[in-house]
PDB file of all heavy atoms in Angstrom:
ATOM      1  N   PRO A   1     -13.406   0.156   2.487  1.00  0.00           N
ATOM      2  CA  PRO A   1     -13.619   1.547   2.491  1.00  0.00           C
ATOM      3  C   PRO A   1     -12.200   2.220   2.674  1.00  0.00           C
ATOM      4  O   PRO A   1     -11.398   1.606   3.456  1.00  0.00           O
ATOM      5  CB  PRO A   1     -14.491   1.651   3.720  1.00  0.00           C
ATOM      6  CG  PRO A   1     -15.221   0.440   3.838  1.00  0.00           C
ATOM      7  CD  PRO A   1     -14.277  -0.636   3.455  1.00  0.00           C
ATOM      8  N   LEU A   2     -11.974   3.411   2.070  1.00  0.00           N
ATOM      9  CA  LEU A   2     -10.733   4.006   2.177  1.00  0.00           C
ATOM     10  C   LEU A   2     -10.340   4.316   3.564  1.00  0.00           C
ATOM     11  O   LEU A   2      -9.169   4.155   3.993  1.00  0.00           O
ATOM     12  CB  LEU A   2     -10.673   5.318   1.382  1.00  0.00           C
ATOM     13  CG  LEU A   2     -10.692   5.249  -0.158  1.00  0.00           C
ATOM     14  CD1 LEU A   2     -10.606   6.670  -0.743  1.00  0.00           C
ATOM     15  CD2 LEU A   2      -9.383   4.442  -0.640  1.00  0.00           C
ATOM     16  N   ASN A   3     -11.418   4.662   4.418  1.00  0.00           N
ATOM     17  CA  ASN A   3     -11.137   4.940   5.867  1.00  0.00           C
ATOM     18  C   ASN A   3     -10.772   3.807   6.758  1.00  0.00           C
ATOM     19  O   ASN A   3     -10.463   3.959   7.854  1.00  0.00           O
ATOM     20  CB  ASN A   3     -12.250   5.763   6.304  1.00  0.00           C
ATOM     21  CG  ASN A   3     -13.697   4.868   6.383  1.00  0.00           C
ATOM     22  OD1 ASN A   3     -13.556   3.702   6.129  1.00  0.00           O
ATOM     23  ND2 ASN A   3     -14.745   5.517   6.752  1.00  0.00           N
ATOM     24  N   ARG A   4     -10.728   2.584   6.082  1.00  0.00           N
ATOM     25  CA  ARG A   4     -10.329   1.353   6.842  1.00  0.00           C
ATOM     26  C   ARG A   4      -8.976   0.932   6.425  1.00  0.00           C
ATOM     27  O   ARG A   4      -8.389  -0.113   6.919  1.00  0.00           O
ATOM     28  CB  ARG A   4     -11.358   0.375   6.781  1.00  0.00           C
ATOM     29  CG  ARG A   4     -12.569   0.569   7.720  1.00  0.00           C
ATOM     30  CD  ARG A   4     -13.072  -0.677   8.442  1.00  0.00           C
ATOM     31  NE  ARG A   4     -13.649  -1.671   7.581  1.00  0.00           N
ATOM     32  CZ  ARG A   4     -14.938  -1.780   7.205  1.00  0.00           C
ATOM     33  NH1 ARG A   4     -15.741  -0.849   7.776  1.00  0.00           N
ATOM     34  NH2 ARG A   4     -15.334  -2.714   6.388  1.00  0.00           N
ATOM     35  N   LEU A   5      -8.388   1.589   5.458  1.00  0.00           N
ATOM     36  CA  LEU A   5      -7.033   1.245   5.048  1.00  0.00           C
ATOM     37  C   LEU A   5      -5.973   1.688   6.094  1.00  0.00           C
ATOM     38  O   LEU A   5      -6.185   2.804   6.711  1.00  0.00           O
ATOM     39  CB  LEU A   5      -6.697   1.864   3.645  1.00  0.00           C
ATOM     40  CG  LEU A   5      -7.537   1.345   2.528  1.00  0.00           C
ATOM     41  CD1 LEU A   5      -7.150   2.170   1.163  1.00  0.00           C
ATOM     42  CD2 LEU A   5      -7.291  -0.127   2.157  1.00  0.00           C
ATOM     43  N   ASP A   6      -4.967   0.888   6.277  1.00  0.00           N
ATOM     44  CA  ASP A   6      -3.945   1.354   7.251  1.00  0.00           C
ATOM     45  C   ASP A   6      -3.293   2.462   6.603  1.00  0.00           C
ATOM     46  O   ASP A   6      -3.183   2.698   5.279  1.00  0.00           O
ATOM     47  CB  ASP A   6      -2.977   0.183   7.511  1.00  0.00           C
ATOM     48  CG  ASP A   6      -2.139  -0.220   6.333  1.00  0.00           C
ATOM     49  OD1 ASP A   6      -1.189   0.496   5.871  1.00  0.00           O
ATOM     50  OD2 ASP A   6      -2.478  -1.261   5.727  1.00  0.00           O
ATOM     51  N   PRO A   7      -2.500   3.292   7.408  1.00  0.00           N
ATOM     52  CA  PRO A   7      -2.064   4.659   6.894  1.00  0.00           C
ATOM     53  C   PRO A   7      -1.000   4.344   5.657  1.00  0.00           C
ATOM     54  O   PRO A   7      -1.105   5.215   4.677  1.00  0.00           O
ATOM     55  CB  PRO A   7      -1.193   5.260   8.024  1.00  0.00           C
ATOM     56  CG  PRO A   7      -2.057   4.715   9.177  1.00  0.00           C
ATOM     57  CD  PRO A   7      -2.575   3.336   8.775  1.00  0.00           C
ATOM     58  N   ALA A   8      -0.165   3.428   5.653  1.00  0.00           N
ATOM     59  CA  ALA A   8       0.789   3.140   4.646  1.00  0.00           C
ATOM     60  C   ALA A   8       0.003   2.787   3.377  1.00  0.00           C
ATOM     61  O   ALA A   8       0.403   3.341   2.232  1.00  0.00           O
ATOM     62  CB  ALA A   8       1.720   2.064   5.003  1.00  0.00           C
ATOM     63  N   MET A   9      -1.009   2.013   3.403  1.00  0.00           N
ATOM     64  CA  MET A   9      -1.625   1.600   2.112  1.00  0.00           C
ATOM     65  C   MET A   9      -2.536   2.861   1.775  1.00  0.00           C
ATOM     66  O   MET A   9      -2.632   3.119   0.459  1.00  0.00           O
ATOM     67  CB  MET A   9      -2.676   0.445   2.394  1.00  0.00           C
ATOM     68  CG  MET A   9      -3.427  -0.084   1.226  1.00  0.00           C
ATOM     69  SD  MET A   9      -2.278  -0.654  -0.023  1.00  0.00           S
ATOM     70  CE  MET A   9      -2.030  -2.308   0.511  1.00  0.00           C
ATOM     71  N   TYR A  10      -3.049   3.536   2.635  1.00  0.00           N
ATOM     72  CA  TYR A  10      -3.906   4.806   2.275  1.00  0.00           C
ATOM     73  C   TYR A  10      -3.019   5.720   1.397  1.00  0.00           C
ATOM     74  O   TYR A  10      -3.450   6.289   0.329  1.00  0.00           O
ATOM     75  CB  TYR A  10      -4.483   5.471   3.486  1.00  0.00           C
ATOM     76  CG  TYR A  10      -5.348   6.622   3.271  1.00  0.00           C
ATOM     77  CD1 TYR A  10      -6.650   6.487   2.771  1.00  0.00           C
ATOM     78  CD2 TYR A  10      -4.761   7.926   3.259  1.00  0.00           C
ATOM     79  CE1 TYR A  10      -7.531   7.528   2.496  1.00  0.00           C
ATOM     80  CE2 TYR A  10      -5.688   9.031   3.083  1.00  0.00           C
ATOM     81  CZ  TYR A  10      -6.964   8.861   2.710  1.00  0.00           C
ATOM     82  OH  TYR A  10      -7.744   9.920   2.417  1.00  0.00           O
ATOM     83  N   ARG A  11      -1.773   5.955   1.868  1.00  0.00           N
ATOM     84  CA  ARG A  11      -0.898   6.834   1.086  1.00  0.00           C
ATOM     85  C   ARG A  11      -0.726   6.394  -0.367  1.00  0.00           C
ATOM     86  O   ARG A  11      -0.459   7.144  -1.313  1.00  0.00           O
ATOM     87  CB  ARG A  11       0.324   7.056   1.879  1.00  0.00           C
ATOM     88  CG  ARG A  11       0.178   7.952   3.134  1.00  0.00           C
ATOM     89  CD  ARG A  11       1.599   8.285   3.678  1.00  0.00           C
ATOM     90  NE  ARG A  11       2.243   7.173   4.098  1.00  0.00           N
ATOM     91  CZ  ARG A  11       2.136   6.759   5.450  1.00  0.00           C
ATOM     92  NH1 ARG A  11       1.334   7.394   6.313  1.00  0.00           N
ATOM     93  NH2 ARG A  11       2.944   5.761   5.744  1.00  0.00           N
ATOM     94  N   VAL A  12      -0.537   5.094  -0.543  1.00  0.00           N
ATOM     95  CA  VAL A  12      -0.295   4.361  -1.685  1.00  0.00           C
ATOM     96  C   VAL A  12      -1.466   4.624  -2.734  1.00  0.00           C
ATOM     97  O   VAL A  12      -1.412   4.992  -3.750  1.00  0.00           O
ATOM     98  CB  VAL A  12      -0.017   2.945  -1.661  1.00  0.00           C
ATOM     99  CG1 VAL A  12       0.066   2.251  -2.996  1.00  0.00           C
ATOM    100  CG2 VAL A  12       1.409   2.710  -0.873  1.00  0.00           C
ATOM    101  N   VAL A  13      -2.667   4.401  -2.211  1.00  0.00           N
ATOM    102  CA  VAL A  13      -3.967   4.369  -2.881  1.00  0.00           C
ATOM    103  C   VAL A  13      -4.240   5.747  -3.417  1.00  0.00           C
ATOM    104  O   VAL A  13      -4.717   6.063  -4.576  1.00  0.00           O
ATOM    105  CB  VAL A  13      -5.101   3.706  -2.165  1.00  0.00           C
ATOM    106  CG1 VAL A  13      -6.409   4.037  -2.881  1.00  0.00           C
ATOM    107  CG2 VAL A  13      -4.945   2.330  -1.898  1.00  0.00           C
ATOM    108  N   LEU A  14      -3.858   6.800  -2.555  1.00  0.00           N
ATOM    109  CA  LEU A  14      -4.176   8.282  -2.911  1.00  0.00           C
ATOM    110  C   LEU A  14      -3.437   8.590  -4.342  1.00  0.00           C
ATOM    111  O   LEU A  14      -3.831   9.517  -5.042  1.00  0.00           O
ATOM    112  CB  LEU A  14      -3.725   9.158  -1.840  1.00  0.00           C
ATOM    113  CG  LEU A  14      -4.582   9.232  -0.447  1.00  0.00           C
ATOM    114  CD1 LEU A  14      -3.990  10.309   0.363  1.00  0.00           C
ATOM    115  CD2 LEU A  14      -5.994   9.778  -0.959  1.00  0.00           C
ATOM    116  N   LEU A  15      -2.456   7.934  -4.604  1.00  0.00           N
ATOM    117  CA  LEU A  15      -1.657   8.388  -5.847  1.00  0.00           C
ATOM    118  C   LEU A  15      -2.195   7.442  -7.051  1.00  0.00           C
ATOM    119  O   LEU A  15      -1.645   7.735  -8.189  1.00  0.00           O
ATOM    120  CB  LEU A  15      -0.193   8.008  -5.576  1.00  0.00           C
ATOM    121  CG  LEU A  15       0.485   8.844  -4.514  1.00  0.00           C
ATOM    122  CD1 LEU A  15       1.838   8.372  -4.370  1.00  0.00           C
ATOM    123  CD2 LEU A  15       0.441  10.243  -4.715  1.00  0.00           C
ATOM    124  N   MET A  16      -3.140   6.669  -6.822  1.00  0.00           N
ATOM    125  CA  MET A  16      -3.668   5.942  -7.984  1.00  0.00           C
ATOM    126  C   MET A  16      -4.918   6.484  -8.598  1.00  0.00           C
ATOM    127  O   MET A  16      -5.829   6.971  -7.853  1.00  0.00           O
ATOM    128  CB  MET A  16      -4.023   4.447  -7.361  1.00  0.00           C
ATOM    129  CG  MET A  16      -2.943   3.637  -6.897  1.00  0.00           C
ATOM    130  SD  MET A  16      -3.604   2.050  -6.437  1.00  0.00           S
ATOM    131  CE  MET A  16      -1.901   1.148  -6.226  1.00  0.00           C
ATOM    132  N   ASP A  17      -4.967   6.713 -10.025  1.00  0.00           N
ATOM    133  CA  ASP A  17      -6.123   7.340 -10.584  1.00  0.00           C
ATOM    134  C   ASP A  17      -6.894   6.544 -11.411  1.00  0.00           C
ATOM    135  O   ASP A  17      -7.842   7.019 -11.994  1.00  0.00           O
ATOM    136  CB  ASP A  17      -5.442   8.578 -11.365  1.00  0.00           C
ATOM    137  CG  ASP A  17      -4.352   8.107 -12.245  1.00  0.00           C
ATOM    138  OD1 ASP A  17      -4.172   6.993 -12.417  1.00  0.00           O
ATOM    139  OD2 ASP A  17      -3.796   9.031 -12.835  1.00  0.00           O
ATOM    140  N   GLU A  18      -6.566   5.187 -11.643  1.00  0.00           N
ATOM    141  CA  GLU A  18      -7.485   4.444 -12.516  1.00  0.00           C
ATOM    142  C   GLU A  18      -7.149   2.881 -12.252  1.00  0.00           C
ATOM    143  O   GLU A  18      -6.219   2.489 -11.777  1.00  0.00           O
ATOM    144  CB  GLU A  18      -7.130   4.756 -14.030  1.00  0.00           C
ATOM    145  CG  GLU A  18      -5.650   4.376 -14.408  1.00  0.00           C
ATOM    146  CD  GLU A  18      -5.406   4.546 -15.905  1.00  0.00           C
ATOM    147  OE1 GLU A  18      -6.241   5.254 -16.537  1.00  0.00           O
ATOM    148  OE2 GLU A  18      -4.332   4.159 -16.396  1.00  0.00           O
ATOM    149  N   GLU A  19      -8.192   2.150 -12.468  1.00  0.00           N
ATOM    150  CA  GLU A  19      -8.160   0.786 -12.248  1.00  0.00           C
ATOM    151  C   GLU A  19      -7.088   0.109 -13.058  1.00  0.00           C
ATOM    152  O   GLU A  19      -6.996   0.470 -14.167  1.00  0.00           O
ATOM    153  CB  GLU A  19      -9.555   0.005 -12.459  1.00  0.00           C
ATOM    154  CG  GLU A  19     -10.568   0.571 -11.478  1.00  0.00           C
ATOM    155  CD  GLU A  19     -11.951  -0.152 -11.734  1.00  0.00           C
ATOM    156  OE1 GLU A  19     -12.044  -0.992 -12.691  1.00  0.00           O
ATOM    157  OE2 GLU A  19     -12.876   0.259 -11.058  1.00  0.00           O
ATOM    158  N   GLY A  20      -6.337  -0.697 -12.446  1.00  0.00           N
ATOM    159  CA  GLY A  20      -5.187  -1.446 -13.235  1.00  0.00           C
ATOM    160  C   GLY A  20      -3.804  -0.880 -12.959  1.00  0.00           C
ATOM    161  O   GLY A  20      -2.904  -1.533 -13.344  1.00  0.00           O
ATOM    162  N   TYR A  21      -3.848   0.406 -12.333  1.00  0.00           N
ATOM    163  CA  TYR A  21      -2.665   0.971 -11.885  1.00  0.00           C
ATOM    164  C   TYR A  21      -1.858   0.284 -11.003  1.00  0.00           C
ATOM    165  O   TYR A  21      -2.334  -0.293  -9.959  1.00  0.00           O
ATOM    166  CB  TYR A  21      -2.922   2.421 -11.472  1.00  0.00           C
ATOM    167  CG  TYR A  21      -1.691   3.119 -11.221  1.00  0.00           C
ATOM    168  CD1 TYR A  21      -0.951   3.901 -12.233  1.00  0.00           C
ATOM    169  CD2 TYR A  21      -1.190   3.285  -9.918  1.00  0.00           C
ATOM    170  CE1 TYR A  21       0.091   4.732 -11.951  1.00  0.00           C
ATOM    171  CE2 TYR A  21       0.127   3.912  -9.653  1.00  0.00           C
ATOM    172  CZ  TYR A  21       0.773   4.710 -10.688  1.00  0.00           C
ATOM    173  OH  TYR A  21       1.729   5.427 -10.366  1.00  0.00           O
ATOM    174  N   ILE A  22      -0.650   0.155 -11.213  1.00  0.00           N
ATOM    175  CA  ILE A  22       0.419  -0.460 -10.269  1.00  0.00           C
ATOM    176  C   ILE A  22       1.364   0.444  -9.687  1.00  0.00           C
ATOM    177  O   ILE A  22       1.953   1.137 -10.359  1.00  0.00           O
ATOM    178  CB  ILE A  22       1.117  -1.696 -11.033  1.00  0.00           C
ATOM    179  CG1 ILE A  22       0.259  -2.624 -11.711  1.00  0.00           C
ATOM    180  CG2 ILE A  22       2.114  -2.381  -9.998  1.00  0.00           C
ATOM    181  CD1 ILE A  22       0.915  -3.792 -12.447  1.00  0.00           C
ATOM    182  N   SER A  23       1.329   0.598  -8.274  1.00  0.00           N
ATOM    183  CA  SER A  23       2.201   1.552  -7.669  1.00  0.00           C
ATOM    184  C   SER A  23       3.637   1.201  -7.778  1.00  0.00           C
ATOM    185  O   SER A  23       4.124   0.051  -8.180  1.00  0.00           O
ATOM    186  CB  SER A  23       1.806   1.551  -6.182  1.00  0.00           C
ATOM    187  OG  SER A  23       2.292   0.384  -5.526  1.00  0.00           O
ATOM    188  N   GLU A  24       4.462   2.156  -7.524  1.00  0.00           N
ATOM    189  CA  GLU A  24       5.870   1.999  -7.304  1.00  0.00           C
ATOM    190  C   GLU A  24       6.113   1.275  -6.029  1.00  0.00           C
ATOM    191  O   GLU A  24       5.373   1.315  -5.101  1.00  0.00           O
ATOM    192  CB  GLU A  24       6.751   3.269  -7.428  1.00  0.00           C
ATOM    193  CG  GLU A  24       6.493   3.964  -8.790  1.00  0.00           C
ATOM    194  CD  GLU A  24       7.383   5.238  -8.882  1.00  0.00           C
ATOM    195  OE1 GLU A  24       7.908   5.733  -7.702  1.00  0.00           O
ATOM    196  OE2 GLU A  24       7.420   5.870  -9.939  1.00  0.00           O
ATOM    197  N   PRO A  25       7.352   0.624  -5.843  1.00  0.00           N
ATOM    198  CA  PRO A  25       7.636  -0.006  -4.571  1.00  0.00           C
ATOM    199  C   PRO A  25       7.681   0.895  -3.364  1.00  0.00           C
ATOM    200  O   PRO A  25       8.069   1.993  -3.422  1.00  0.00           O
ATOM    201  CB  PRO A  25       8.922  -0.645  -4.683  1.00  0.00           C
ATOM    202  CG  PRO A  25       9.245  -0.775  -6.256  1.00  0.00           C
ATOM    203  CD  PRO A  25       8.404   0.480  -6.848  1.00  0.00           C
ATOM    204  N   LYS A  26       6.973   0.402  -2.356  1.00  0.00           N
ATOM    205  CA  LYS A  26       6.681   1.267  -1.037  1.00  0.00           C
ATOM    206  C   LYS A  26       7.069   0.334   0.154  1.00  0.00           C
ATOM    207  O   LYS A  26       6.631  -0.836   0.106  1.00  0.00           O
ATOM    208  CB  LYS A  26       5.416   1.845  -0.903  1.00  0.00           C
ATOM    209  CG  LYS A  26       5.064   2.801  -2.090  1.00  0.00           C
ATOM    210  CD  LYS A  26       5.968   4.134  -1.947  1.00  0.00           C
ATOM    211  CE  LYS A  26       5.657   5.097  -3.071  1.00  0.00           C
ATOM    212  NZ  LYS A  26       6.516   6.309  -2.944  1.00  0.00           N
ATOM    213  N   SER A  27       7.646   0.837   1.118  1.00  0.00           N
ATOM    214  CA  SER A  27       8.054   0.108   2.375  1.00  0.00           C
ATOM    215  C   SER A  27       6.852   0.009   3.170  1.00  0.00           C
ATOM    216  O   SER A  27       5.896   0.969   3.224  1.00  0.00           O
ATOM    217  CB  SER A  27       9.200   0.722   3.074  1.00  0.00           C
ATOM    218  OG  SER A  27       8.914   1.998   3.589  1.00  0.00           O
ATOM    219  N   PHE A  28       6.598  -0.999   4.043  1.00  0.00           N
ATOM    220  CA  PHE A  28       5.607  -1.101   5.060  1.00  0.00           C
ATOM    221  C   PHE A  28       6.003  -2.167   6.068  1.00  0.00           C
ATOM    222  O   PHE A  28       7.022  -2.857   5.856  1.00  0.00           O
ATOM    223  CB  PHE A  28       4.318  -1.402   4.438  1.00  0.00           C
ATOM    224  CG  PHE A  28       4.160  -2.966   3.973  1.00  0.00           C
ATOM    225  CD1 PHE A  28       3.436  -3.737   4.671  1.00  0.00           C
ATOM    226  CD2 PHE A  28       4.931  -3.328   2.885  1.00  0.00           C
ATOM    227  CE1 PHE A  28       3.050  -5.107   4.226  1.00  0.00           C
ATOM    228  CE2 PHE A  28       4.723  -4.636   2.472  1.00  0.00           C
ATOM    229  CZ  PHE A  28       3.914  -5.537   3.174  1.00  0.00           C
ATOM    230  N   ASN A  29       5.283  -2.415   7.166  1.00  0.00           N
ATOM    231  CA  ASN A  29       5.517  -3.367   8.229  1.00  0.00           C
ATOM    232  C   ASN A  29       4.630  -4.403   7.917  1.00  0.00           C
ATOM    233  O   ASN A  29       3.439  -4.364   7.971  1.00  0.00           O
ATOM    234  CB  ASN A  29       5.278  -2.853   9.596  1.00  0.00           C
ATOM    235  CG  ASN A  29       5.630  -3.791  10.719  1.00  0.00           C
ATOM    236  OD1 ASN A  29       6.625  -4.613  10.590  1.00  0.00           O
ATOM    237  ND2 ASN A  29       4.696  -3.966  11.719  1.00  0.00           N
ATOM    238  N   LEU A  30       5.319  -5.631   7.509  1.00  0.00           N
ATOM    239  CA  LEU A  30       4.537  -6.878   7.331  1.00  0.00           C
ATOM    240  C   LEU A  30       4.239  -7.488   8.652  1.00  0.00           C
ATOM    241  O   LEU A  30       4.978  -8.193   9.366  1.00  0.00           O
ATOM    242  CB  LEU A  30       5.384  -7.891   6.437  1.00  0.00           C
ATOM    243  CG  LEU A  30       4.675  -9.143   5.965  1.00  0.00           C
ATOM    244  CD1 LEU A  30       3.442  -8.881   5.255  1.00  0.00           C
ATOM    245  CD2 LEU A  30       5.697 -10.052   5.240  1.00  0.00           C
ATOM    246  N   GLN A  31       2.988  -7.105   9.115  1.00  0.00           N
ATOM    247  CA  GLN A  31       2.549  -7.518  10.543  1.00  0.00           C
ATOM    248  C   GLN A  31       2.607  -9.128  10.706  1.00  0.00           C
ATOM    249  O   GLN A  31       2.948  -9.533  11.774  1.00  0.00           O
ATOM    250  CB  GLN A  31       1.304  -6.986  10.833  1.00  0.00           C
ATOM    251  CG  GLN A  31       1.235  -5.486  10.885  1.00  0.00           C
ATOM    252  CD  GLN A  31      -0.135  -4.975  11.310  1.00  0.00           C
ATOM    253  OE1 GLN A  31      -1.106  -5.702  11.502  1.00  0.00           O
ATOM    254  NE2 GLN A  31      -0.147  -3.644  11.664  1.00  0.00           N
ATOM    255  N   SER A  32       2.267  -9.811   9.757  1.00  0.00           N
ATOM    256  CA  SER A  32       2.289 -11.291   9.957  1.00  0.00           C
ATOM    257  C   SER A  32       3.600 -11.881  10.252  1.00  0.00           C
ATOM    258  O   SER A  32       3.709 -12.992  10.949  1.00  0.00           O
ATOM    259  CB  SER A  32       1.610 -12.008   8.740  1.00  0.00           C
ATOM    260  OG  SER A  32       2.539 -11.801   7.543  1.00  0.00           O
ATOM    261  N   GLN A  33       4.636 -11.178   9.974  1.00  0.00           N
ATOM    262  CA  GLN A  33       6.048 -11.721  10.087  1.00  0.00           C
ATOM    263  C   GLN A  33       6.792 -10.619  10.929  1.00  0.00           C
ATOM    264  O   GLN A  33       7.925 -10.886  11.317  1.00  0.00           O
ATOM    265  CB  GLN A  33       6.750 -12.000   8.855  1.00  0.00           C
ATOM    266  CG  GLN A  33       6.083 -12.975   7.983  1.00  0.00           C
ATOM    267  CD  GLN A  33       6.924 -13.370   6.851  1.00  0.00           C
ATOM    268  OE1 GLN A  33       8.159 -13.391   6.864  1.00  0.00           O
ATOM    269  NE2 GLN A  33       6.281 -13.788   5.726  1.00  0.00           N
ATOM    270  N   ASN A  34       6.133  -9.547  11.275  1.00  0.00           N
ATOM    271  CA  ASN A  34       6.887  -8.435  12.092  1.00  0.00           C
ATOM    272  C   ASN A  34       8.099  -8.069  11.448  1.00  0.00           C
ATOM    273  O   ASN A  34       9.089  -7.975  12.032  1.00  0.00           O
ATOM    274  CB  ASN A  34       7.042  -8.943  13.590  1.00  0.00           C
ATOM    275  CG  ASN A  34       7.389  -7.638  14.355  1.00  0.00           C
ATOM    276  OD1 ASN A  34       7.035  -6.636  14.186  1.00  0.00           O
ATOM    277  ND2 ASN A  34       8.156  -8.019  15.482  1.00  0.00           N
ATOM    278  N   LYS A  35       8.162  -7.804  10.067  1.00  0.00           N
ATOM    279  CA  LYS A  35       9.215  -7.471   9.336  1.00  0.00           C
ATOM    280  C   LYS A  35       9.060  -6.278   8.487  1.00  0.00           C
ATOM    281  O   LYS A  35       7.922  -6.116   8.087  1.00  0.00           O
ATOM    282  CB  LYS A  35       9.698  -8.600   8.495  1.00  0.00           C
ATOM    283  CG  LYS A  35      10.334  -9.916   9.210  1.00  0.00           C
ATOM    284  CD  LYS A  35      10.815 -10.774   8.212  1.00  0.00           C
ATOM    285  CE  LYS A  35      11.407 -12.083   8.938  1.00  0.00           C
ATOM    286  NZ  LYS A  35      11.937 -13.136   7.988  1.00  0.00           N
ATOM    287  N   LYS A  36      10.166  -5.462   8.247  1.00  0.00           N
ATOM    288  CA  LYS A  36       9.925  -4.414   7.277  1.00  0.00           C
ATOM    289  C   LYS A  36      10.013  -5.062   5.858  1.00  0.00           C
ATOM    290  O   LYS A  36      10.808  -6.103   5.606  1.00  0.00           O
ATOM    291  CB  LYS A  36      11.260  -3.455   7.402  1.00  0.00           C
ATOM    292  CG  LYS A  36      11.099  -2.325   6.459  1.00  0.00           C
ATOM    293  CD  LYS A  36      12.213  -1.292   6.689  1.00  0.00           C
ATOM    294  CE  LYS A  36      12.099  -0.101   5.786  1.00  0.00           C
ATOM    295  NZ  LYS A  36      13.120   0.853   5.999  1.00  0.00           N
ATOM    296  N   ALA A  37       9.234  -4.701   5.003  1.00  0.00           N
ATOM    297  CA  ALA A  37       9.109  -5.183   3.718  1.00  0.00           C
ATOM    298  C   ALA A  37       8.740  -4.200   2.683  1.00  0.00           C
ATOM    299  O   ALA A  37       8.413  -3.050   3.014  1.00  0.00           O
ATOM    300  CB  ALA A  37       7.959  -6.373   3.596  1.00  0.00           C
ATOM    301  N   TYR A  38       8.826  -4.522   1.352  1.00  0.00           N
ATOM    302  CA  TYR A  38       8.428  -3.624   0.303  1.00  0.00           C
ATOM    303  C   TYR A  38       7.308  -4.264  -0.665  1.00  0.00           C
ATOM    304  O   TYR A  38       7.230  -5.565  -0.504  1.00  0.00           O
ATOM    305  CB  TYR A  38       9.602  -3.250  -0.615  1.00  0.00           C
ATOM    306  CG  TYR A  38      10.618  -2.347   0.029  1.00  0.00           C
ATOM    307  CD1 TYR A  38      11.364  -2.566   0.999  1.00  0.00           C
ATOM    308  CD2 TYR A  38      10.422  -0.956  -0.355  1.00  0.00           C
ATOM    309  CE1 TYR A  38      12.255  -1.669   1.603  1.00  0.00           C
ATOM    310  CE2 TYR A  38      11.343   0.064   0.232  1.00  0.00           C
ATOM    311  CZ  TYR A  38      12.177  -0.337   1.229  1.00  0.00           C
ATOM    312  OH  TYR A  38      12.971   0.548   1.877  1.00  0.00           O
ATOM    313  N   ARG A  39       6.538  -3.551  -1.192  1.00  0.00           N
ATOM    314  CA  ARG A  39       5.494  -4.059  -1.985  1.00  0.00           C
ATOM    315  C   ARG A  39       4.983  -3.159  -3.234  1.00  0.00           C
ATOM    316  O   ARG A  39       5.254  -1.952  -3.136  1.00  0.00           O
ATOM    317  CB  ARG A  39       4.249  -4.350  -1.100  1.00  0.00           C
ATOM    318  CG  ARG A  39       3.496  -3.014  -0.638  1.00  0.00           C
ATOM    319  CD  ARG A  39       2.326  -3.378   0.234  1.00  0.00           C
ATOM    320  NE  ARG A  39       1.856  -2.160   1.086  1.00  0.00           N
ATOM    321  CZ  ARG A  39       1.084  -2.248   2.039  1.00  0.00           C
ATOM    322  NH1 ARG A  39       0.605  -3.390   2.452  1.00  0.00           N
ATOM    323  NH2 ARG A  39       0.670  -1.162   2.727  1.00  0.00           N
ATOM    324  N   ILE A  40       4.597  -3.725  -4.140  1.00  0.00           N
ATOM    325  CA  ILE A  40       3.705  -2.898  -5.263  1.00  0.00           C
ATOM    326  C   ILE A  40       2.340  -3.309  -5.133  1.00  0.00           C
ATOM    327  O   ILE A  40       2.045  -4.525  -4.818  1.00  0.00           O
ATOM    328  CB  ILE A  40       4.414  -3.248  -6.712  1.00  0.00           C
ATOM    329  CG1 ILE A  40       4.322  -4.754  -6.979  1.00  0.00           C
ATOM    330  CG2 ILE A  40       5.822  -2.701  -6.783  1.00  0.00           C
ATOM    331  CD1 ILE A  40       4.796  -5.077  -8.418  1.00  0.00           C
ATOM    332  N   VAL A  41       1.463  -2.336  -5.423  1.00  0.00           N
ATOM    333  CA  VAL A  41       0.089  -2.576  -5.226  1.00  0.00           C
ATOM    334  C   VAL A  41      -0.664  -2.154  -6.444  1.00  0.00           C
ATOM    335  O   VAL A  41      -0.303  -1.270  -7.090  1.00  0.00           O
ATOM    336  CB  VAL A  41      -0.498  -1.660  -4.075  1.00  0.00           C
ATOM    337  CG1 VAL A  41      -1.972  -1.915  -3.926  1.00  0.00           C
ATOM    338  CG2 VAL A  41       0.341  -1.900  -2.789  1.00  0.00           C
ATOM    339  N   ARG A  42      -1.623  -3.104  -6.754  1.00  0.00           N
ATOM    340  CA  ARG A  42      -2.379  -2.841  -7.895  1.00  0.00           C
ATOM    341  C   ARG A  42      -3.863  -2.401  -7.503  1.00  0.00           C
ATOM    342  O   ARG A  42      -4.436  -3.163  -6.544  1.00  0.00           O
ATOM    343  CB  ARG A  42      -2.612  -4.056  -8.844  1.00  0.00           C
ATOM    344  CG  ARG A  42      -3.310  -3.687 -10.203  1.00  0.00           C
ATOM    345  CD  ARG A  42      -3.426  -5.013 -11.033  1.00  0.00           C
ATOM    346  NE  ARG A  42      -4.288  -6.057 -10.509  1.00  0.00           N
ATOM    347  CZ  ARG A  42      -4.550  -7.253 -11.095  1.00  0.00           C
ATOM    348  NH1 ARG A  42      -4.035  -7.481 -12.316  1.00  0.00           N
ATOM    349  NH2 ARG A  42      -5.391  -8.020 -10.578  1.00  0.00           N
TER     350      ARG A  42
END
C-alpha cells in the first residue's frame, strides 16, 4: 500500500505514471548497512 512506503520511496513512486517506468537515480538511507546510497526504481 502506498501509505506503507517509506517517505523517500513514496516521493519516487508519486512521479511514476505507468507500469514499467524506471525512475531517475535518487538518494536514500540503506538501512541494512546504515549507509547513504542511490537507487533507480521500477
